[in-house]
Amino acid sequence: MRPSSVLRALAIAGGLSTIVATLSAGQATAREVVPFKGYSPGTVVVNTPQRRLYYVLGDGRAVRYPVGVGKPGKQWGGNAYIDGKHIRPAWSPPAVVRRDSPSLPSVIAGGASNNPMGAAALTLSGGEYAIHGTNRPASIGGFVSYGCIRMHNHDIVDLYGRVSVGTPVVVVR
């Protein structure tokens, strides 16, 4: 679905404002603006060893978010771009996840408490990975995923509002 279609649908349902209000109410945030150089404004940089994601603002600054990253053997690096933006997406476990957890259903509905995608997802070019929220906030800061980048739900909602389809993403190992 195109971002404009998603936003139109959300405006009708009040979805994004509801998510933002719900996730922002009474929650402290770990994101902060920090010095950061070397990338163009508007770029998303994931530093795997630091378990941090940076959204480059320019003027030598970036917004830094804590993230969960790939488990050993499931990490990756390189360049991609955001090719989709989704609010409360449904999730179909990839084959590798189903091999490790065969009891998982073939699809988990968006918004379900057992859906690991959380409040929003930014899919990445190449089709394998996403930057997304989580239903396991304690996993943030760890080496925990099959290659996706996990964020606190309030942080993915914040990042979702800052980026667009086509935003460059650099994953550093």
C-alpha atoms as a PDB file:
ATOM      1  CA  MET A   1       0.000   0.000   0.000  1.00  0.00           C
ATOM      2  CA  ARG A   2       1.365   3.428  -0.892  1.00  0.00           C
ATOM      3  CA  PRO A   3       2.160   5.735   2.034  1.00  0.00           C
ATOM      4  CA  SER A   4      -0.513   8.206   0.942  1.00  0.00           C
ATOM      5  CA  SER A   5      -3.064   5.381   0.974  1.00  0.00           C
ATOM      6  CA  VAL A   6      -1.909   4.305   4.421  1.00  0.00           C
ATOM      7  CA  LEU A   7      -2.149   7.853   5.749  1.00  0.00           C
ATOM      8  CA  ARG A   8      -5.587   8.323   4.175  1.00  0.00           C
ATOM      9  CA  ALA A   9      -6.769   5.063   5.756  1.00  0.00           C
ATOM     10  CA  LEU A  10      -5.314   6.108   9.096  1.00  0.00           C
ATOM     11  CA  ALA A  11      -6.946   9.494   8.923  1.00  0.00           C
ATOM     12  CA  ILE A  12     -10.290   7.761   8.406  1.00  0.00           C
ATOM     13  CA  ALA A  13      -9.698   5.366  11.282  1.00  0.00           C
ATOM     14  CA  GLY A  14      -7.794   7.826  13.440  1.00  0.00           C
ATOM     15  CA  GLY A  15      -5.134   5.123  13.667  1.00  0.00           C
ATOM     16  CA  LEU A  16      -1.863   7.025  13.759  1.00  0.00           C
ATOM     17  CA  SER A  17      -3.076   9.679  16.171  1.00  0.00           C
ATOM     18  CA  THR A  18      -4.508   6.967  18.405  1.00  0.00           C
ATOM     19  CA  ILE A  19      -1.234   5.027  18.333  1.00  0.00           C
ATOM     20  CA  VAL A  20       0.833   8.139  19.040  1.00  0.00           C
ATOM     21  CA  ALA A  21      -1.423   9.222  21.903  1.00  0.00           C
ATOM     22  CA  THR A  22      -1.500   5.727  23.402  1.00  0.00           C
ATOM     23  CA  LEU A  23       2.229   5.119  23.123  1.00  0.00           C
ATOM     24  CA  SER A  24       3.230   8.601  24.275  1.00  0.00           C
ATOM     25  CA  ALA A  25       1.064   8.730  27.373  1.00  0.00           C
ATOM     26  CA  GLY A  26       3.289   8.450  30.400  1.00  0.00           C
ATOM     27  CA  GLN A  27       6.215   6.759  28.641  1.00  0.00           C
ATOM     28  CA  ALA A  28       9.767   7.905  29.026  1.00  0.00           C
ATOM     29  CA  THR A  29      11.794   7.746  25.858  1.00  0.00           C
ATOM     30  CA  ALA A  30      15.388   6.680  25.396  1.00  0.00           C
ATOM     31  CA  ARG A  31      15.789   8.550  22.119  1.00  0.00           C
ATOM     32  CA  GLU A  32      17.958  11.626  22.128  1.00  0.00           C
ATOM     33  CA  VAL A  33      19.648  14.040  19.742  1.00  0.00           C
ATOM     34  CA  VAL A  34      23.393  13.362  19.614  1.00  0.00           C
ATOM     35  CA  PRO A  35      26.413  14.520  17.589  1.00  0.00           C
ATOM     36  CA  PHE A  36      26.690  12.452  14.397  1.00  0.00           C
ATOM     37  CA  LYS A  37      28.613  12.984  11.159  1.00  0.00           C
ATOM     38  CA  GLY A  38      29.410  11.164   7.958  1.00  0.00           C
ATOM     39  CA  TYR A  39      25.966  10.620   6.415  1.00  0.00           C
ATOM     40  CA  SER A  40      23.497  12.774   4.495  1.00  0.00           C
ATOM     41  CA  PRO A  41      20.496  14.249   6.294  1.00  0.00           C
ATOM     42  CA  GLY A  42      17.490  11.943   6.130  1.00  0.00           C
ATOM     43  CA  THR A  43      19.573   8.747   6.204  1.00  0.00           C
ATOM     44  CA  VAL A  44      18.822   5.956   8.680  1.00  0.00           C
ATOM     45  CA  VAL A  45      22.004   4.354  10.041  1.00  0.00           C
ATOM     46  CA  VAL A  46      21.877   1.165  12.130  1.00  0.00           C
ATOM     47  CA  ASN A  47      25.039   0.492  14.119  1.00  0.00           C
ATOM     48  CA  THR A  48      24.768  -3.228  14.927  1.00  0.00           C
ATOM     49  CA  PRO A  49      27.547  -3.473  17.568  1.00  0.00           C
ATOM     50  CA  GLN A  50      26.159  -0.413  19.405  1.00  0.00           C
ATOM     51  CA  ARG A  51      22.562  -1.652  19.039  1.00  0.00           C
ATOM     52  CA  ARG A  52      21.560   1.878  18.057  1.00  0.00           C
ATOM     53  CA  LEU A  53      19.696   3.399  15.122  1.00  0.00           C
ATOM     54  CA  TYR A  54      20.437   6.962  14.027  1.00  0.00           C
ATOM     55  CA  TYR A  55      18.182   9.192  11.972  1.00  0.00           C
ATOM     56  CA  VAL A  56      20.494  11.841  10.522  1.00  0.00           C
ATOM     57  CA  LEU A  57      19.160  15.377  10.976  1.00  0.00           C
ATOM     58  CA  GLY A  58      22.105  17.243   9.467  1.00  0.00           C
ATOM     59  CA  ASP A  59      24.247  19.967  11.045  1.00  0.00           C
ATOM     60  CA  GLY A  60      26.302  17.176  12.661  1.00  0.00           C
ATOM     61  CA  ARG A  61      23.324  15.779  14.617  1.00  0.00           C
ATOM     62  CA  ALA A  62      21.111  12.714  14.613  1.00  0.00           C
ATOM     63  CA  VAL A  63      18.280  11.254  16.648  1.00  0.00           C
ATOM     64  CA  ARG A  64      19.602   8.109  18.353  1.00  0.00           C
ATOM     65  CA  TYR A  65      17.285   5.240  19.287  1.00  0.00           C
ATOM     66  CA  PRO A  66      18.069   1.974  21.106  1.00  0.00           C
ATOM     67  CA  VAL A  67      17.284  -1.101  19.013  1.00  0.00           C
ATOM     68  CA  GLY A  68      17.387  -4.881  19.060  1.00  0.00           C
ATOM     69  CA  VAL A  69      19.425  -6.375  16.209  1.00  0.00           C
ATOM     70  CA  GLY A  70      20.188  -9.747  14.668  1.00  0.00           C
ATOM     71  CA  LYS A  71      21.357 -12.691  16.725  1.00  0.00           C
ATOM     72  CA  PRO A  72      24.874 -13.958  16.023  1.00  0.00           C
ATOM     73  CA  GLY A  73      24.740 -15.549  12.583  1.00  0.00           C
ATOM     74  CA  LYS A  74      21.624 -13.552  11.651  1.00  0.00           C
ATOM     75  CA  GLN A  75      23.245 -10.117  11.347  1.00  0.00           C
ATOM     76  CA  TRP A  76      23.747  -8.352   8.046  1.00  0.00           C
ATOM     77  CA  GLY A  77      25.219  -5.145   6.767  1.00  0.00           C
ATOM     78  CA  GLY A  78      24.956  -2.949   3.732  1.00  0.00           C
ATOM     79  CA  ASN A  79      22.728  -0.437   2.020  1.00  0.00           C
ATOM     80  CA  ALA A  80      18.983  -0.581   1.537  1.00  0.00           C
ATOM     81  CA  TYR A  81      16.076   1.827   1.403  1.00  0.00           C
ATOM     82  CA  ILE A  82      12.628   1.943   2.936  1.00  0.00           C
ATOM     83  CA  ASP A  83      10.231   0.420   0.430  1.00  0.00           C
ATOM     84  CA  GLY A  84       7.069   0.342   2.549  1.00  0.00           C
ATOM     85  CA  LYS A  85       5.433   1.920   5.605  1.00  0.00           C
ATOM     86  CA  HIS A  86       2.824  -0.060   7.531  1.00  0.00           C
ATOM     87  CA  ILE A  87       0.780   0.598  10.665  1.00  0.00           C
ATOM     88  CA  ARG A  88      -0.053  -2.445  12.822  1.00  0.00           C
ATOM     89  CA  PRO A  89       0.972  -4.878  10.080  1.00  0.00           C
ATOM     90  CA  ALA A  90      -0.010  -8.516  10.027  1.00  0.00           C
ATOM     91  CA  TRP A  91       2.990 -10.859  10.198  1.00  0.00           C
ATOM     92  CA  SER A  92       3.716 -14.084   8.353  1.00  0.00           C
ATOM     93  CA  PRO A  93       6.718 -15.860   9.870  1.00  0.00           C
ATOM     94  CA  PRO A  94       9.452 -16.460   7.275  1.00  0.00           C
ATOM     95  CA  ALA A  95      10.498 -20.054   6.589  1.00  0.00           C
ATOM     96  CA  VAL A  96      13.595 -19.815   8.818  1.00  0.00           C
ATOM     97  CA  VAL A  97      11.473 -18.662  11.767  1.00  0.00           C
ATOM     98  CA  ARG A  98       8.868 -21.384  11.144  1.00  0.00           C
ATOM     99  CA  ARG A  99      11.635 -24.017  11.112  1.00  0.00           C
ATOM    100  CA  ASP A 100      12.696 -22.904  14.592  1.00  0.00           C
ATOM    101  CA  SER A 101       9.120 -22.406  15.849  1.00  0.00           C
ATOM    102  CA  PRO A 102       6.822 -24.735  13.869  1.00  0.00           C
ATOM    103  CA  SER A 103       3.849 -24.075  16.156  1.00  0.00           C
ATOM    104  CA  LEU A 104       3.562 -20.454  14.979  1.00  0.00           C
ATOM    105  CA  PRO A 105       0.448 -19.699  12.949  1.00  0.00           C
ATOM    106  CA  SER A 106       0.961 -18.862   9.274  1.00  0.00           C
ATOM    107  CA  VAL A 107      -0.318 -15.294   9.868  1.00  0.00           C
ATOM    108  CA  ILE A 108      -0.622 -13.214  13.034  1.00  0.00           C
ATOM    109  CA  ALA A 109      -3.119 -10.386  12.707  1.00  0.00           C
ATOM    110  CA  GLY A 110      -1.928  -6.802  12.954  1.00  0.00           C
ATOM    111  CA  GLY A 111      -2.457  -5.357  16.408  1.00  0.00           C
ATOM    112  CA  ALA A 112      -2.588  -8.798  18.072  1.00  0.00           C
ATOM    113  CA  SER A 113      -0.650  -8.998  21.338  1.00  0.00           C
ATOM    114  CA  ASN A 114       1.465 -11.874  19.968  1.00  0.00           C
ATOM    115  CA  ASN A 115       2.367 -10.008  16.762  1.00  0.00           C
ATOM    116  CA  PRO A 116       6.107  -9.274  16.904  1.00  0.00           C
ATOM    117  CA  MET A 117       5.858  -6.351  14.443  1.00  0.00           C
ATOM    118  CA  GLY A 118       4.411  -3.993  17.035  1.00  0.00           C
ATOM    119  CA  ALA A 119       2.836  -0.643  16.233  1.00  0.00           C
ATOM    120  CA  ALA A 120       4.449  -0.070  12.832  1.00  0.00           C
ATOM    121  CA  ALA A 121       6.940  -1.450  10.342  1.00  0.00           C
ATOM    122  CA  LEU A 122       9.231   0.040   7.730  1.00  0.00           C
ATOM    123  CA  THR A 123      10.025  -2.667   5.199  1.00  0.00           C
ATOM    124  CA  LEU A 124      13.432  -2.603   3.547  1.00  0.00           C
ATOM    125  CA  SER A 125      14.366  -3.180  -0.069  1.00  0.00           C
ATOM    126  CA  GLY A 126      15.406  -6.755  -0.707  1.00  0.00           C
ATOM    127  CA  GLY A 127      12.272  -8.106   0.952  1.00  0.00           C
ATOM    128  CA  GLU A 128      13.810  -9.940   3.915  1.00  0.00           C
ATOM    129  CA  TYR A 129      13.989  -7.383   6.711  1.00  0.00           C
ATOM    130  CA  ALA A 130      12.148  -4.525   8.364  1.00  0.00           C
ATOM    131  CA  ILE A 131      12.622  -1.903  11.037  1.00  0.00           C
ATOM    132  CA  HIS A 132       9.638  -2.450  13.304  1.00  0.00           C
ATOM    133  CA  GLY A 133       8.124  -2.138  16.742  1.00  0.00           C
ATOM    134  CA  THR A 134       7.930  -5.074  19.107  1.00  0.00           C
ATOM    135  CA  ASN A 135       5.672  -6.921  21.497  1.00  0.00           C
ATOM    136  CA  ARG A 136       8.787  -7.670  23.603  1.00  0.00           C
ATOM    137  CA  PRO A 137      10.162  -4.305  24.766  1.00  0.00           C
ATOM    138  CA  ALA A 138      12.731  -5.999  27.034  1.00  0.00           C
ATOM    139  CA  SER A 139      14.461  -7.299  23.872  1.00  0.00           C
ATOM    140  CA  ILE A 140      15.524  -3.783  22.870  1.00  0.00           C
ATOM    141  CA  GLY A 141      19.266  -3.433  23.309  1.00  0.00           C
ATOM    142  CA  GLY A 142      19.971  -7.087  22.606  1.00  0.00           C
ATOM    143  CA  PHE A 143      21.086  -9.393  19.804  1.00  0.00           C
ATOM    144  CA  VAL A 144      17.646 -10.923  19.449  1.00  0.00           C
ATOM    145  CA  SER A 145      16.197 -11.060  15.933  1.00  0.00           C
ATOM    146  CA  TYR A 146      16.499 -12.994  12.706  1.00  0.00           C
ATOM    147  CA  GLY A 147      17.891  -9.847  11.081  1.00  0.00           C
ATOM    148  CA  CYS A 148      15.144  -7.282  11.564  1.00  0.00           C
ATOM    149  CA  ILE A 149      15.737  -4.125  13.571  1.00  0.00           C
ATOM    150  CA  ARG A 150      13.417  -3.885  16.594  1.00  0.00           C
ATOM    151  CA  MET A 151      12.423  -0.614  18.214  1.00  0.00           C
ATOM    152  CA  HIS A 152      10.245   0.398  21.143  1.00  0.00           C
ATOM    153  CA  ASN A 153       6.759   1.002  19.775  1.00  0.00           C
ATOM    154  CA  HIS A 154       6.846   4.699  20.694  1.00  0.00           C
ATOM    155  CA  ASP A 155      10.183   5.017  18.853  1.00  0.00           C
ATOM    156  CA  ILE A 156       9.035   3.285  15.654  1.00  0.00           C
ATOM    157  CA  VAL A 157       6.015   5.604  15.599  1.00  0.00           C
ATOM    158  CA  ASP A 158       8.383   8.577  15.933  1.00  0.00           C
ATOM    159  CA  LEU A 159      10.693   7.303  13.175  1.00  0.00           C
ATOM    160  CA  TYR A 160       7.688   6.423  10.968  1.00  0.00           C
ATOM    161  CA  GLY A 161       6.700  10.091  11.028  1.00  0.00           C
ATOM    162  CA  ARG A 162      10.210  11.231  10.027  1.00  0.00           C
ATOM    163  CA  VAL A 163      10.890   8.945   7.038  1.00  0.00           C
ATOM    164  CA  SER A 164       9.331   8.259   3.672  1.00  0.00           C
ATOM    165  CA  VAL A 165       9.467   5.499   1.112  1.00  0.00           C
ATOM    166  CA  GLY A 166      12.878   5.790  -0.532  1.00  0.00           C
ATOM    167  CA  THR A 167      14.728   6.872   2.630  1.00  0.00           C
ATOM    168  CA  PRO A 168      18.233   5.361   2.516  1.00  0.00           C
ATOM    169  CA  VAL A 169      19.178   2.866   5.226  1.00  0.00           C
ATOM    170  CA  VAL A 170      22.771   1.867   6.047  1.00  0.00           C
ATOM    171  CA  VAL A 171      23.389  -1.110   8.343  1.00  0.00           C
ATOM    172  CA  VAL A 172      26.920  -1.132   9.799  1.00  0.00           C
ATOM    173  CA  ARG A 173      28.399  -4.289  11.297  1.00  0.00           C
END
